[in-house]
Amino acid sequence: MSSEINGIKRQLESRKEELLHRLDKIKQDVTKAHSYDWSEQAQERENDEVMNALGNEARLELVKVGQALERIASGSYTTCRHCNEEISLERLQAVPYTDLCIRCAGYY
């Protein structure tokens, strides 16, 4: 494995930890008790909706990061899943969890 791919792997592992930490904080925030005041409850519920949306985005990114780490482990990380051509190192550095080359990314 090249040093560039090792660097991307470390970046992905770090991002995975960040996302897991973020999801834990979101879970703690959403599961805390709500106020007894109705107007405060309404605001808290709106905040819960925003936090849930942020959690969904983090979970989706976490899946992509996990898949990228699996592709690194299997040796298929630099291969486009659609056309089987090489994904450029520049693209992988810019979007480390991508599984499409730049050409295929324009179509999907």
PDB file of N, CA and C in Angstrom:
ATOM      1  N   MET A   1       0.856  -1.180   0.000  1.00  0.00           N
ATOM      2  CA  MET A   1       0.000   0.000   0.000  1.00  0.00           C
ATOM      3  C   MET A   1       0.897   1.237   0.000  1.00  0.00           C
ATOM      4  N   SER A   2       0.563   2.190  -0.859  1.00  0.00           N
ATOM      5  CA  SER A   2       1.388   3.392  -0.985  1.00  0.00           C
ATOM      6  C   SER A   2       1.237   4.287   0.249  1.00  0.00           C
ATOM      7  N   SER A   3       2.204   5.154   0.425  1.00  0.00           N
ATOM      8  CA  SER A   3       2.154   6.074   1.564  1.00  0.00           C
ATOM      9  C   SER A   3       0.970   7.030   1.442  1.00  0.00           C
ATOM     10  N   GLU A   4       0.591   7.376   0.199  1.00  0.00           N
ATOM     11  CA  GLU A   4      -0.565   8.251   0.001  1.00  0.00           C
ATOM     12  C   GLU A   4      -1.846   7.569   0.472  1.00  0.00           C
ATOM     13  N   ILE A   5      -1.992   6.291   0.119  1.00  0.00           N
ATOM     14  CA  ILE A   5      -3.183   5.541   0.532  1.00  0.00           C
ATOM     15  C   ILE A   5      -3.175   5.360   2.049  1.00  0.00           C
ATOM     16  N   ASN A   6      -2.002   5.118   2.632  1.00  0.00           N
ATOM     17  CA  ASN A   6      -1.904   5.033   4.092  1.00  0.00           C
ATOM     18  C   ASN A   6      -2.343   6.339   4.751  1.00  0.00           C
ATOM     19  N   GLY A   7      -1.965   7.463   4.165  1.00  0.00           N
ATOM     20  CA  GLY A   7      -2.378   8.762   4.686  1.00  0.00           C
ATOM     21  C   GLY A   7      -3.883   8.943   4.598  1.00  0.00           C
ATOM     22  N   ILE A   8      -4.463   8.537   3.486  1.00  0.00           N
ATOM     23  CA  ILE A   8      -5.915   8.623   3.330  1.00  0.00           C
ATOM     24  C   ILE A   8      -6.597   7.699   4.329  1.00  0.00           C
ATOM     25  N   LYS A   9      -6.026   6.518   4.540  1.00  0.00           N
ATOM     26  CA  LYS A   9      -6.595   5.573   5.510  1.00  0.00           C
ATOM     27  C   LYS A   9      -6.622   6.196   6.903  1.00  0.00           C
ATOM     28  N   ARG A  10      -5.537   6.830   7.292  1.00  0.00           N
ATOM     29  CA  ARG A  10      -5.496   7.500   8.606  1.00  0.00           C
ATOM     30  C   ARG A  10      -6.541   8.607   8.673  1.00  0.00           C
ATOM     31  N   GLN A  11      -6.687   9.347   7.586  1.00  0.00           N
ATOM     32  CA  GLN A  11      -7.689  10.416   7.522  1.00  0.00           C
ATOM     33  C   GLN A  11      -9.097   9.827   7.677  1.00  0.00           C
ATOM     34  N   LEU A  12      -9.371   8.722   6.995  1.00  0.00           N
ATOM     35  CA  LEU A  12     -10.679   8.070   7.095  1.00  0.00           C
ATOM     36  C   LEU A  12     -10.933   7.540   8.504  1.00  0.00           C
ATOM     37  N   GLU A  13      -9.919   6.947   9.122  1.00  0.00           N
ATOM     38  CA  GLU A  13     -10.070   6.439  10.489  1.00  0.00           C
ATOM     39  C   GLU A  13     -10.342   7.576  11.469  1.00  0.00           C
ATOM     40  N   SER A  14      -9.672   8.703  11.264  1.00  0.00           N
ATOM     41  CA  SER A  14      -9.896   9.874  12.104  1.00  0.00           C
ATOM     42  C   SER A  14     -11.314  10.407  11.909  1.00  0.00           C
ATOM     43  N   ARG A  15     -11.754  10.451  10.655  1.00  0.00           N
ATOM     44  CA  ARG A  15     -13.106  10.933  10.362  1.00  0.00           C
ATOM     45  C   ARG A  15     -14.150  10.003  10.979  1.00  0.00           C
ATOM     46  N   LYS A  16     -13.885   8.713  10.942  1.00  0.00           N
ATOM     47  CA  LYS A  16     -14.785   7.730  11.551  1.00  0.00           C
ATOM     48  C   LYS A  16     -14.944   8.011  13.044  1.00  0.00           C
ATOM     49  N   GLU A  17     -13.840   8.262  13.726  1.00  0.00           N
ATOM     50  CA  GLU A  17     -13.893   8.567  15.157  1.00  0.00           C
ATOM     51  C   GLU A  17     -14.673   9.859  15.413  1.00  0.00           C
ATOM     52  N   GLU A  18     -14.443  10.878  14.575  1.00  0.00           N
ATOM     53  CA  GLU A  18     -15.169  12.139  14.717  1.00  0.00           C
ATOM     54  C   GLU A  18     -16.670  11.915  14.567  1.00  0.00           C
ATOM     55  N   LEU A  19     -17.050  11.136  13.562  1.00  0.00           N
ATOM     56  CA  LEU A  19     -18.469  10.880  13.316  1.00  0.00           C
ATOM     57  C   LEU A  19     -19.097  10.086  14.444  1.00  0.00           C
ATOM     58  N   LEU A  20     -18.392   9.091  14.964  1.00  0.00           N
ATOM     59  CA  LEU A  20     -18.916   8.317  16.088  1.00  0.00           C
ATOM     60  C   LEU A  20     -19.104   9.207  17.309  1.00  0.00           C
ATOM     61  N   HIS A  21     -18.154  10.101  17.555  1.00  0.00           N
ATOM     62  CA  HIS A  21     -18.263  11.041  18.670  1.00  0.00           C
ATOM     63  C   HIS A  21     -19.457  11.981  18.458  1.00  0.00           C
ATOM     64  N   ARG A  22     -19.618  12.482  17.253  1.00  0.00           N
ATOM     65  CA  ARG A  22     -20.730  13.377  16.945  1.00  0.00           C
ATOM     66  C   ARG A  22     -22.066  12.669  17.157  1.00  0.00           C
ATOM     67  N   LEU A  23     -22.170  11.432  16.683  1.00  0.00           N
ATOM     68  CA  LEU A  23     -23.411  10.675  16.855  1.00  0.00           C
ATOM     69  C   LEU A  23     -23.711  10.434  18.325  1.00  0.00           C
ATOM     70  N   ASP A  24     -22.694  10.174  19.116  1.00  0.00           N
ATOM     71  CA  ASP A  24     -22.888   9.980  20.548  1.00  0.00           C
ATOM     72  C   ASP A  24     -23.424  11.259  21.196  1.00  0.00           C
ATOM     73  N   LYS A  25     -22.841  12.399  20.836  1.00  0.00           N
ATOM     74  CA  LYS A  25     -23.306  13.676  21.390  1.00  0.00           C
ATOM     75  C   LYS A  25     -24.739  13.980  20.960  1.00  0.00           C
ATOM     76  N   ILE A  26     -25.067  13.683  19.708  1.00  0.00           N
ATOM     77  CA  ILE A  26     -26.423  13.911  19.217  1.00  0.00           C
ATOM     78  C   ILE A  26     -27.405  13.033  19.985  1.00  0.00           C
ATOM     79  N   LYS A  27     -27.045  11.781  20.183  1.00  0.00           N
ATOM     80  CA  LYS A  27     -27.905  10.855  20.917  1.00  0.00           C
ATOM     81  C   LYS A  27     -28.150  11.364  22.338  1.00  0.00           C
ATOM     82  N   GLN A  28     -27.097  11.819  22.989  1.00  0.00           N
ATOM     83  CA  GLN A  28     -27.237  12.361  24.338  1.00  0.00           C
ATOM     84  C   GLN A  28     -28.151  13.576  24.350  1.00  0.00           C
ATOM     85  N   ASP A  29     -27.997  14.446  23.363  1.00  0.00           N
ATOM     86  CA  ASP A  29     -28.791  15.666  23.299  1.00  0.00           C
ATOM     87  C   ASP A  29     -30.261  15.359  23.041  1.00  0.00           C
ATOM     88  N   VAL A  30     -30.531  14.440  22.141  1.00  0.00           N
ATOM     89  CA  VAL A  30     -31.920  14.133  21.763  1.00  0.00           C
ATOM     90  C   VAL A  30     -32.639  13.364  22.867  1.00  0.00           C
ATOM     91  N   THR A  31     -31.923  12.559  23.627  1.00  0.00           N
ATOM     92  CA  THR A  31     -32.578  11.731  24.639  1.00  0.00           C
ATOM     93  C   THR A  31     -32.704  12.408  25.999  1.00  0.00           C
ATOM     94  N   LYS A  32     -32.213  13.625  26.145  1.00  0.00           N
ATOM     95  CA  LYS A  32     -32.352  14.296  27.444  1.00  0.00           C
ATOM     96  C   LYS A  32     -33.802  14.706  27.657  1.00  0.00           C
ATOM     97  N   ALA A  33     -34.157  14.861  28.898  1.00  0.00           N
ATOM     98  CA  ALA A  33     -35.539  15.200  29.270  1.00  0.00           C
ATOM     99  C   ALA A  33     -35.911  16.588  28.750  1.00  0.00           C
ATOM    100  N   HIS A  34     -37.162  16.707  28.369  1.00  0.00           N
ATOM    101  CA  HIS A  34     -37.666  17.986  27.881  1.00  0.00           C
ATOM    102  C   HIS A  34     -38.249  18.812  29.027  1.00  0.00           C
ATOM    103  N   SER A  35     -38.339  20.080  28.786  1.00  0.00           N
ATOM    104  CA  SER A  35     -38.880  21.023  29.755  1.00  0.00           C
ATOM    105  C   SER A  35     -40.372  20.770  29.968  1.00  0.00           C
ATOM    106  N   TYR A  36     -40.884  21.243  31.101  1.00  0.00           N
ATOM    107  CA  TYR A  36     -42.327  21.148  31.361  1.00  0.00           C
ATOM    108  C   TYR A  36     -43.076  22.319  30.727  1.00  0.00           C
ATOM    109  N   ASP A  37     -42.372  23.362  30.351  1.00  0.00           N
ATOM    110  CA  ASP A  37     -42.979  24.538  29.722  1.00  0.00           C
ATOM    111  C   ASP A  37     -43.294  24.212  28.260  1.00  0.00           C
ATOM    112  N   TRP A  38     -44.558  24.425  27.860  1.00  0.00           N
ATOM    113  CA  TRP A  38     -44.997  24.067  26.504  1.00  0.00           C
ATOM    114  C   TRP A  38     -44.243  24.830  25.425  1.00  0.00           C
ATOM    115  N   SER A  39     -44.012  26.116  25.622  1.00  0.00           N
ATOM    116  CA  SER A  39     -43.304  26.888  24.589  1.00  0.00           C
ATOM    117  C   SER A  39     -41.855  26.436  24.473  1.00  0.00           C
ATOM    118  N   GLU A  40     -41.242  26.104  25.591  1.00  0.00           N
ATOM    119  CA  GLU A  40     -39.869  25.590  25.542  1.00  0.00           C
ATOM    120  C   GLU A  40     -39.839  24.204  24.905  1.00  0.00           C
ATOM    121  N   GLN A  41     -40.874  23.411  25.174  1.00  0.00           N
ATOM    122  CA  GLN A  41     -40.944  22.080  24.571  1.00  0.00           C
ATOM    123  C   GLN A  41     -41.013  22.162  23.053  1.00  0.00           C
ATOM    124  N   ALA A  42     -41.782  23.139  22.552  1.00  0.00           N
ATOM    125  CA  ALA A  42     -41.898  23.300  21.098  1.00  0.00           C
ATOM    126  C   ALA A  42     -40.535  23.598  20.496  1.00  0.00           C
ATOM    127  N   GLN A  43     -39.778  24.487  21.128  1.00  0.00           N
ATOM    128  CA  GLN A  43     -38.435  24.820  20.638  1.00  0.00           C
ATOM    129  C   GLN A  43     -37.509  23.607  20.741  1.00  0.00           C
ATOM    130  N   GLU A  44     -37.616  22.880  21.841  1.00  0.00           N
ATOM    131  CA  GLU A  44     -36.776  21.691  22.019  1.00  0.00           C
ATOM    132  C   GLU A  44     -37.077  20.645  20.957  1.00  0.00           C
ATOM    133  N   ARG A  45     -38.340  20.485  20.614  1.00  0.00           N
ATOM    134  CA  ARG A  45     -38.728  19.496  19.594  1.00  0.00           C
ATOM    135  C   ARG A  45     -38.199  19.905  18.214  1.00  0.00           C
ATOM    136  N   GLU A  46     -38.224  21.201  17.923  1.00  0.00           N
ATOM    137  CA  GLU A  46     -37.633  21.672  16.665  1.00  0.00           C
ATOM    138  C   GLU A  46     -36.134  21.384  16.658  1.00  0.00           C
ATOM    139  N   ASN A  47     -35.486  21.627  17.775  1.00  0.00           N
ATOM    140  CA  ASN A  47     -34.050  21.334  17.882  1.00  0.00           C
ATOM    141  C   ASN A  47     -33.793  19.842  17.697  1.00  0.00           C
ATOM    142  N   ASP A  48     -34.684  19.007  18.254  1.00  0.00           N
ATOM    143  CA  ASP A  48     -34.544  17.553  18.088  1.00  0.00           C
ATOM    144  C   ASP A  48     -34.608  17.162  16.615  1.00  0.00           C
ATOM    145  N   GLU A  49     -35.499  17.807  15.865  1.00  0.00           N
ATOM    146  CA  GLU A  49     -35.614  17.506  14.434  1.00  0.00           C
ATOM    147  C   GLU A  49     -34.318  17.850  13.703  1.00  0.00           C
ATOM    148  N   VAL A  50     -33.746  18.984  14.032  1.00  0.00           N
ATOM    149  CA  VAL A  50     -32.477  19.392  13.422  1.00  0.00           C
ATOM    150  C   VAL A  50     -31.372  18.401  13.805  1.00  0.00           C
ATOM    151  N   MET A  51     -31.330  18.034  15.078  1.00  0.00           N
ATOM    152  CA  MET A  51     -30.312  17.093  15.536  1.00  0.00           C
ATOM    153  C   MET A  51     -30.485  15.730  14.862  1.00  0.00           C
ATOM    154  N   ASN A  52     -31.725  15.293  14.679  1.00  0.00           N
ATOM    155  CA  ASN A  52     -31.963  14.022  13.990  1.00  0.00           C
ATOM    156  C   ASN A  52     -31.473  14.085  12.546  1.00  0.00           C
ATOM    157  N   ALA A  53     -31.717  15.208  11.882  1.00  0.00           N
ATOM    158  CA  ALA A  53     -31.241  15.366  10.501  1.00  0.00           C
ATOM    159  C   ALA A  53     -29.714  15.326  10.455  1.00  0.00           C
ATOM    160  N   LEU A  54     -29.069  16.001  11.405  1.00  0.00           N
ATOM    161  CA  LEU A  54     -27.605  15.974  11.467  1.00  0.00           C
ATOM    162  C   LEU A  54     -27.103  14.559  11.755  1.00  0.00           C
ATOM    163  N   GLY A  55     -27.814  13.853  12.605  1.00  0.00           N
ATOM    164  CA  GLY A  55     -27.455  12.473  12.904  1.00  0.00           C
ATOM    165  C   GLY A  55     -27.575  11.583  11.685  1.00  0.00           C
ATOM    166  N   ASN A  56     -28.640  11.777  10.904  1.00  0.00           N
ATOM    167  CA  ASN A  56     -28.814  10.986   9.681  1.00  0.00           C
ATOM    168  C   ASN A  56     -27.686  11.234   8.695  1.00  0.00           C
ATOM    169  N   GLU A  57     -27.283  12.495   8.545  1.00  0.00           N
ATOM    170  CA  GLU A  57     -26.168  12.819   7.648  1.00  0.00           C
ATOM    171  C   GLU A  57     -24.875  12.176   8.143  1.00  0.00           C
ATOM    172  N   ALA A  58     -24.649  12.229   9.444  1.00  0.00           N
ATOM    173  CA  ALA A  58     -23.426  11.642  10.010  1.00  0.00           C
ATOM    174  C   ALA A  58     -23.425  10.125   9.822  1.00  0.00           C
ATOM    175  N   ARG A  59     -24.585   9.482  10.018  1.00  0.00           N
ATOM    176  CA  ARG A  59     -24.672   8.025   9.828  1.00  0.00           C
ATOM    177  C   ARG A  59     -24.391   7.647   8.381  1.00  0.00           C
ATOM    178  N   LEU A  60     -24.915   8.423   7.442  1.00  0.00           N
ATOM    179  CA  LEU A  60     -24.678   8.155   6.024  1.00  0.00           C
ATOM    180  C   LEU A  60     -23.188   8.297   5.692  1.00  0.00           C
ATOM    181  N   GLU A  61     -22.566   9.351   6.189  1.00  0.00           N
ATOM    182  CA  GLU A  61     -21.139   9.535   5.940  1.00  0.00           C
ATOM    183  C   GLU A  61     -20.334   8.421   6.603  1.00  0.00           C
ATOM    184  N   LEU A  62     -20.755   7.994   7.787  1.00  0.00           N
ATOM    185  CA  LEU A  62     -20.064   6.919   8.485  1.00  0.00           C
ATOM    186  C   LEU A  62     -20.095   5.622   7.682  1.00  0.00           C
ATOM    187  N   VAL A  63     -21.213   5.341   7.045  1.00  0.00           N
ATOM    188  CA  VAL A  63     -21.317   4.158   6.190  1.00  0.00           C
ATOM    189  C   VAL A  63     -20.328   4.269   5.028  1.00  0.00           C
ATOM    190  N   LYS A  64     -20.276   5.441   4.392  1.00  0.00           N
ATOM    191  CA  LYS A  64     -19.363   5.644   3.264  1.00  0.00           C
ATOM    192  C   LYS A  64     -17.907   5.505   3.695  1.00  0.00           C
ATOM    193  N   VAL A  65     -17.585   6.054   4.857  1.00  0.00           N
ATOM    194  CA  VAL A  65     -16.220   5.951   5.378  1.00  0.00           C
ATOM    195  C   VAL A  65     -15.886   4.489   5.658  1.00  0.00           C
ATOM    196  N   GLY A  66     -16.811   3.759   6.267  1.00  0.00           N
ATOM    197  CA  GLY A  66     -16.593   2.343   6.544  1.00  0.00           C
ATOM    198  C   GLY A  66     -16.387   1.537   5.275  1.00  0.00           C
ATOM    199  N   GLN A  67     -17.166   1.841   4.250  1.00  0.00           N
ATOM    200  CA  GLN A  67     -17.009   1.143   2.972  1.00  0.00           C
ATOM    201  C   GLN A  67     -15.650   1.440   2.349  1.00  0.00           C
ATOM    202  N   ALA A  68     -15.204   2.687   2.460  1.00  0.00           N
ATOM    203  CA  ALA A  68     -13.889   3.052   1.914  1.00  0.00           C
ATOM    204  C   ALA A  68     -12.782   2.296   2.649  1.00  0.00           C
ATOM    205  N   LEU A  69     -12.897   2.202   3.969  1.00  0.00           N
ATOM    206  CA  LEU A  69     -11.893   1.460   4.732  1.00  0.00           C
ATOM    207  C   LEU A  69     -11.902  -0.019   4.348  1.00  0.00           C
ATOM    208  N   GLU A  70     -13.068  -0.572   4.087  1.00  0.00           N
ATOM    209  CA  GLU A  70     -13.163  -1.966   3.638  1.00  0.00           C
ATOM    210  C   GLU A  70     -12.507  -2.139   2.267  1.00  0.00           C
ATOM    211  N   ARG A  71     -12.715  -1.152   1.366  1.00  0.00           N
ATOM    212  CA  ARG A  71     -12.091  -1.234   0.045  1.00  0.00           C
ATOM    213  C   ARG A  71     -10.573  -1.134   0.141  1.00  0.00           C
ATOM    214  N   ILE A  72     -10.081  -0.324   1.073  1.00  0.00           N
ATOM    215  CA  ILE A  72      -8.631  -0.243   1.279  1.00  0.00           C
ATOM    216  C   ILE A  72      -8.120  -1.610   1.734  1.00  0.00           C
ATOM    217  N   ALA A  73      -8.805  -2.212   2.692  1.00  0.00           N
ATOM    218  CA  ALA A  73      -8.383  -3.515   3.224  1.00  0.00           C
ATOM    219  C   ALA A  73      -8.408  -4.604   2.160  1.00  0.00           C
ATOM    220  N   SER A  74      -9.383  -4.528   1.249  1.00  0.00           N
ATOM    221  CA  SER A  74      -9.507  -5.567   0.223  1.00  0.00           C
ATOM    222  C   SER A  74      -8.641  -5.299  -1.004  1.00  0.00           C
ATOM    223  N   GLY A  75      -8.055  -4.104  -1.073  1.00  0.00           N
ATOM    224  CA  GLY A  75      -7.209  -3.767  -2.211  1.00  0.00           C
ATOM    225  C   GLY A  75      -7.958  -3.199  -3.407  1.00  0.00           C
ATOM    226  N   SER A  76      -9.234  -2.902  -3.246  1.00  0.00           N
ATOM    227  CA  SER A  76     -10.029  -2.383  -4.370  1.00  0.00           C
ATOM    228  C   SER A  76     -10.316  -0.888  -4.240  1.00  0.00           C
ATOM    229  N   TYR A  77      -9.649  -0.215  -3.327  1.00  0.00           N
ATOM    230  CA  TYR A  77      -9.940   1.186  -3.018  1.00  0.00           C
ATOM    231  C   TYR A  77      -9.801   2.106  -4.225  1.00  0.00           C
ATOM    232  N   THR A  78      -8.822   1.889  -5.066  1.00  0.00           N
ATOM    233  CA  THR A  78      -8.564   2.817  -6.171  1.00  0.00           C
ATOM    234  C   THR A  78      -9.279   2.422  -7.464  1.00  0.00           C
ATOM    235  N   THR A  79     -10.175   1.437  -7.380  1.00  0.00           N
ATOM    236  CA  THR A  79     -10.899   0.970  -8.566  1.00  0.00           C
ATOM    237  C   THR A  79     -12.335   1.485  -8.545  1.00  0.00           C
ATOM    238  N   CYS A  80     -12.751   2.124  -9.631  1.00  0.00           N
ATOM    239  CA  CYS A  80     -14.116   2.635  -9.759  1.00  0.00           C
ATOM    240  C   CYS A  80     -15.098   1.464  -9.748  1.00  0.00           C
ATOM    241  N   ARG A  81     -16.133   1.572  -8.935  1.00  0.00           N
ATOM    242  CA  ARG A  81     -17.097   0.478  -8.826  1.00  0.00           C
ATOM    243  C   ARG A  81     -17.970   0.347 -10.069  1.00  0.00           C
ATOM    244  N   HIS A  82     -18.012   1.365 -10.900  1.00  0.00           N
ATOM    245  CA  HIS A  82     -18.847   1.304 -12.088  1.00  0.00           C
ATOM    246  C   HIS A  82     -18.090   0.824 -13.324  1.00  0.00           C
ATOM    247  N   CYS A  83     -16.975   1.468 -13.624  1.00  0.00           N
ATOM    248  CA  CYS A  83     -16.257   1.160 -14.871  1.00  0.00           C
ATOM    249  C   CYS A  83     -14.993   0.332 -14.659  1.00  0.00           C
ATOM    250  N   ASN A  84     -14.635   0.102 -13.395  1.00  0.00           N
ATOM    251  CA  ASN A  84     -13.430  -0.660 -13.034  1.00  0.00           C
ATOM    252  C   ASN A  84     -12.127   0.009 -13.457  1.00  0.00           C
ATOM    253  N   GLU A  85     -12.178   1.277 -13.824  1.00  0.00           N
ATOM    254  CA  GLU A  85     -10.962   2.033 -14.125  1.00  0.00           C
ATOM    255  C   GLU A  85     -10.376   2.576 -12.823  1.00  0.00           C
ATOM    256  N   GLU A  86      -9.156   3.057 -12.897  1.00  0.00           N
ATOM    257  CA  GLU A  86      -8.461   3.614 -11.736  1.00  0.00           C
ATOM    258  C   GLU A  86      -9.084   4.952 -11.319  1.00  0.00           C
ATOM    259  N   ILE A  87      -9.307   5.122 -10.018  1.00  0.00           N
ATOM    260  CA  ILE A  87      -9.721   6.420  -9.476  1.00  0.00           C
ATOM    261  C   ILE A  87      -8.436   7.178  -9.180  1.00  0.00           C
ATOM    262  N   SER A  88      -8.341   8.408  -9.659  1.00  0.00           N
ATOM    263  CA  SER A  88      -7.100   9.172  -9.482  1.00  0.00           C
ATOM    264  C   SER A  88      -6.840   9.451  -8.001  1.00  0.00           C
ATOM    265  N   LEU A  89      -5.572   9.487  -7.665  1.00  0.00           N
ATOM    266  CA  LEU A  89      -5.172   9.773  -6.295  1.00  0.00           C
ATOM    267  C   LEU A  89      -5.675  11.155  -5.868  1.00  0.00           C
ATOM    268  N   GLU A  90      -5.665  12.109  -6.788  1.00  0.00           N
ATOM    269  CA  GLU A  90      -6.145  13.456  -6.479  1.00  0.00           C
ATOM    270  C   GLU A  90      -7.616  13.427  -6.076  1.00  0.00           C
ATOM    271  N   ARG A  91      -8.409  12.635  -6.781  1.00  0.00           N
ATOM    272  CA  ARG A  91      -9.837  12.525  -6.441  1.00  0.00           C
ATOM    273  C   ARG A  91     -10.012  11.864  -5.078  1.00  0.00           C
ATOM    274  N   LEU A  92      -9.248  10.812  -4.812  1.00  0.00           N
ATOM    275  CA  LEU A  92      -9.353  10.122  -3.528  1.00  0.00           C
ATOM    276  C   LEU A  92      -8.912  11.020  -2.374  1.00  0.00           C
ATOM    277  N   GLN A  93      -7.941  11.871  -2.629  1.00  0.00           N
ATOM    278  CA  GLN A  93      -7.513  12.806  -1.587  1.00  0.00           C
ATOM    279  C   GLN A  93      -8.585  13.868  -1.342  1.00  0.00           C
ATOM    280  N   ALA A  94      -9.291  14.273  -2.395  1.00  0.00           N
ATOM    281  CA  ALA A  94     -10.330  15.287  -2.259  1.00  0.00           C
ATOM    282  C   ALA A  94     -11.605  14.713  -1.645  1.00  0.00           C
ATOM    283  N   VAL A  95     -11.970  13.502  -2.053  1.00  0.00           N
ATOM    284  CA  VAL A  95     -13.192  12.841  -1.570  1.00  0.00           C
ATOM    285  C   VAL A  95     -12.798  11.415  -1.170  1.00  0.00           C
ATOM    286  N   PRO A  96     -12.252  11.241   0.021  1.00  0.00           N
ATOM    287  CA  PRO A  96     -11.653   9.954   0.386  1.00  0.00           C
ATOM    288  C   PRO A  96     -12.613   8.773   0.408  1.00  0.00           C
ATOM    289  N   TYR A  97     -13.907   9.011   0.525  1.00  0.00           N
ATOM    290  CA  TYR A  97     -14.842   7.883   0.567  1.00  0.00           C
ATOM    291  C   TYR A  97     -15.538   7.635  -0.769  1.00  0.00           C
ATOM    292  N   THR A  98     -15.069   8.274  -1.818  1.00  0.00           N
ATOM    293  CA  THR A  98     -15.678   8.042  -3.124  1.00  0.00           C
ATOM    294  C   THR A  98     -15.366   6.636  -3.627  1.00  0.00           C
ATOM    295  N   ASP A  99     -16.297   6.085  -4.396  1.00  0.00           N
ATOM    296  CA  ASP A  99     -16.038   4.793  -5.033  1.00  0.00           C
ATOM    297  C   ASP A  99     -16.234   4.883  -6.543  1.00  0.00           C
ATOM    298  N   LEU A 100     -16.280   6.140  -7.039  1.00  0.00           N
ATOM    299  CA  LEU A 100     -16.434   6.386  -8.467  1.00  0.00           C
ATOM    300  C   LEU A 100     -15.317   7.285  -8.978  1.00  0.00           C
ATOM    301  N   CYS A 101     -14.835   6.989 -10.176  1.00  0.00           N
ATOM    302  CA  CYS A 101     -13.872   7.889 -10.810  1.00  0.00           C
ATOM    303  C   CYS A 101     -14.602   9.185 -11.178  1.00  0.00           C
ATOM    304  N   ILE A 102     -13.872  10.187 -11.563  1.00  0.00           N
ATOM    305  CA  ILE A 102     -14.470  11.483 -11.856  1.00  0.00           C
ATOM    306  C   ILE A 102     -15.454  11.406 -13.022  1.00  0.00           C
ATOM    307  N   ARG A 103     -15.125  10.597 -14.021  1.00  0.00           N
ATOM    308  CA  ARG A 103     -16.019  10.459 -15.169  1.00  0.00           C
ATOM    309  C   ARG A 103     -17.351   9.832 -14.757  1.00  0.00           C
ATOM    310  N   CYS A 104     -17.300   8.743 -14.025  1.00  0.00           N
ATOM    311  CA  CYS A 104     -18.530   8.060 -13.608  1.00  0.00           C
ATOM    312  C   CYS A 104     -19.320   8.883 -12.587  1.00  0.00           C
ATOM    313  N   ALA A 105     -18.610   9.656 -11.767  1.00  0.00           N
ATOM    314  CA  ALA A 105     -19.300  10.493 -10.779  1.00  0.00           C
ATOM    315  C   ALA A 105     -20.200  11.518 -11.457  1.00  0.00           C
ATOM    316  N   GLY A 106     -19.839  11.920 -12.668  1.00  0.00           N
ATOM    317  CA  GLY A 106     -20.678  12.870 -13.412  1.00  0.00           C
ATOM    318  C   GLY A 106     -21.979  12.258 -13.888  1.00  0.00           C
ATOM    319  N   TYR A 107     -22.043  10.932 -13.957  1.00  0.00           N
ATOM    320  CA  TYR A 107     -23.244  10.246 -14.411  1.00  0.00           C
ATOM    321  C   TYR A 107     -24.131   9.753 -13.288  1.00  0.00           C
ATOM    322  N   TYR A 108     -23.560   9.530 -12.104  1.00  0.00           N
ATOM    323  CA  TYR A 108     -24.329   8.900 -11.023  1.00  0.00           C
ATOM    324  C   TYR A 108     -24.459   9.780  -9.808  1.00  0.00           C
TER     325      TYR A 108
END
